[in-house]
Protein backbone atom coordinates (compact mmCIF):
# COMPACT_ATOMS: atom_id res chain seq x y z
CA MET A 1 211.82 -29.52 80.19
CA THR A 2 208.31 -29.44 81.51
CA LEU A 3 206.54 -32.29 83.19
CA LYS A 4 204.20 -32.54 80.20
CA GLY A 5 207.18 -32.88 77.87
CA CYS A 6 208.57 -35.65 80.04
CA PHE A 7 205.36 -37.63 79.82
CA ASP A 8 205.84 -37.81 76.05
CA ILE A 9 208.76 -40.10 76.83
CA LEU A 10 206.29 -42.44 78.51
CA PHE A 11 204.72 -43.36 75.18
CA SER A 12 208.06 -44.15 73.57
CA LEU A 13 208.94 -46.69 76.27
CA PRO A 14 207.39 -50.11 76.81
CA MET A 15 204.78 -49.81 79.55
CA PRO A 16 205.63 -51.83 82.66
CA ARG A 17 203.08 -54.34 83.92
CA ILE A 18 204.00 -54.54 87.58
CA ALA A 19 202.52 -51.84 89.81
CA SER A 20 205.80 -50.98 91.51
CA ALA A 21 207.49 -50.65 88.12
CA LYS A 22 204.71 -48.32 86.95
CA LYS A 23 205.19 -46.16 90.01
CA ALA A 24 208.96 -46.15 89.52
CA LEU A 25 208.46 -44.97 85.94
CA ARG A 26 206.17 -42.14 87.08
CA GLN A 27 208.72 -41.09 89.69
CA ASN A 28 211.51 -41.23 87.14
CA ILE A 29 209.60 -38.97 84.76
CA THR A 30 208.84 -36.43 87.47
CA ARG A 31 212.42 -36.39 88.74
CA ARG A 32 213.74 -36.05 85.21
CA ALA A 33 211.63 -32.92 84.66
CA THR A 34 212.69 -31.42 88.00
CA ASN A 35 216.37 -32.13 87.37
CA SER A 36 216.12 -30.61 83.92
CA ASP A 37 214.65 -27.43 85.40
CA ARG A 38 217.45 -27.28 87.96
CA LYS A 39 220.08 -27.74 85.28
CA VAL A 40 218.61 -24.94 83.15
CA ALA A 41 218.38 -22.57 86.14
CA LEU A 42 222.01 -23.17 87.07
CA LYS A 43 223.21 -22.67 83.51
CA LYS A 44 221.23 -19.44 83.15
CA ALA A 45 222.66 -18.06 86.38
CA ALA A 46 226.22 -18.95 85.32
CA LYS A 47 225.68 -17.43 81.88
CA ALA A 48 224.41 -14.20 83.44
CA VAL A 49 227.68 -13.91 85.37
CA ARG A 50 229.74 -14.52 82.23
CA LYS A 51 227.79 -11.82 80.37
CA LEU A 52 228.93 -9.12 82.80
CA THR A 53 231.38 -6.59 81.45
CA SER A 54 233.72 -4.13 83.09
CA GLN A 55 231.12 -1.39 82.51
CA SER A 56 228.51 -3.23 84.61
CA SER A 57 227.46 -1.44 87.76
CA SER A 58 228.34 -2.89 91.13
CA GLU A 59 224.61 -3.32 91.92
CA ASP A 60 224.16 -5.48 88.82
CA ILE A 61 227.22 -7.52 89.67
CA ALA A 62 226.04 -8.08 93.24
CA ARG A 63 222.54 -9.06 92.08
CA VAL A 64 223.77 -11.53 89.47
CA LEU A 65 226.38 -13.05 91.79
CA SER A 66 223.80 -13.39 94.56
CA ALA A 67 221.43 -15.15 92.16
CA LEU A 68 224.18 -17.59 91.17
CA TYR A 69 225.05 -18.30 94.81
CA THR A 70 221.41 -18.93 95.67
CA THR A 71 220.80 -21.17 92.68
CA ALA A 72 223.98 -23.19 93.22
CA ASP A 73 223.16 -23.72 96.89
CA LYS A 74 219.57 -24.77 96.15
CA VAL A 75 220.66 -27.21 93.47
CA ALA A 76 223.32 -28.66 95.78
CA LYS A 77 220.81 -28.94 98.62
CA THR A 78 218.59 -31.13 96.46
CA LYS A 79 221.68 -33.22 95.58
CA TYR A 80 221.48 -32.59 91.83
CA ILE A 81 225.12 -31.55 92.12
CA LYS A 82 227.53 -32.11 95.00
CA LYS A 83 228.31 -29.41 97.54
CA THR A 84 231.89 -29.24 96.35
CA LYS A 85 230.79 -28.56 92.77
CA ALA A 86 228.52 -25.75 93.99
CA ALA A 87 231.46 -24.30 95.92
CA ARG A 88 233.66 -24.57 92.82
CA ILE A 89 231.05 -22.78 90.67
CA LYS A 90 230.74 -19.97 93.22
CA SER A 91 234.51 -19.70 93.60
CA ARG A 92 235.11 -19.43 89.87
CA ALA A 93 232.37 -16.83 89.50
CA THR A 94 233.89 -14.75 92.31
CA LYS A 95 237.32 -15.06 90.72
CA PHE A 96 235.85 -13.92 87.39
CA ILE A 97 234.25 -10.89 89.05
CA THR A 98 237.53 -10.03 90.82
CA THR A 99 239.49 -10.06 87.57
CA LEU A 100 236.71 -8.09 85.89
CA ARG A 101 236.94 -5.35 88.53
CA ALA A 102 240.75 -5.37 88.36
CA ARG A 103 240.65 -4.65 84.62
CA SER A 104 238.50 -1.55 85.02
């Protein structure tokens, strides 16, 4: 979700009158857009790992797995998800890759 798309939400909500409430609403909209982008990036990286097949080259596997590790760590660093969830995502992806290589 883009920031512009998030501002459409602004018009569907009652506008606050107090200055601090207005600022809080602006912050909420911005954070919502950023969190949405993080969520999409993490899902795309995880989906790319799941799309790998036993015929995939080891360079492709390493590139996709590295992208997932990077994305998961960045998202955890910004506290969108917890560190333990990032570790769990990375662990499951590595386990998937290990079983994929064992099959071939």
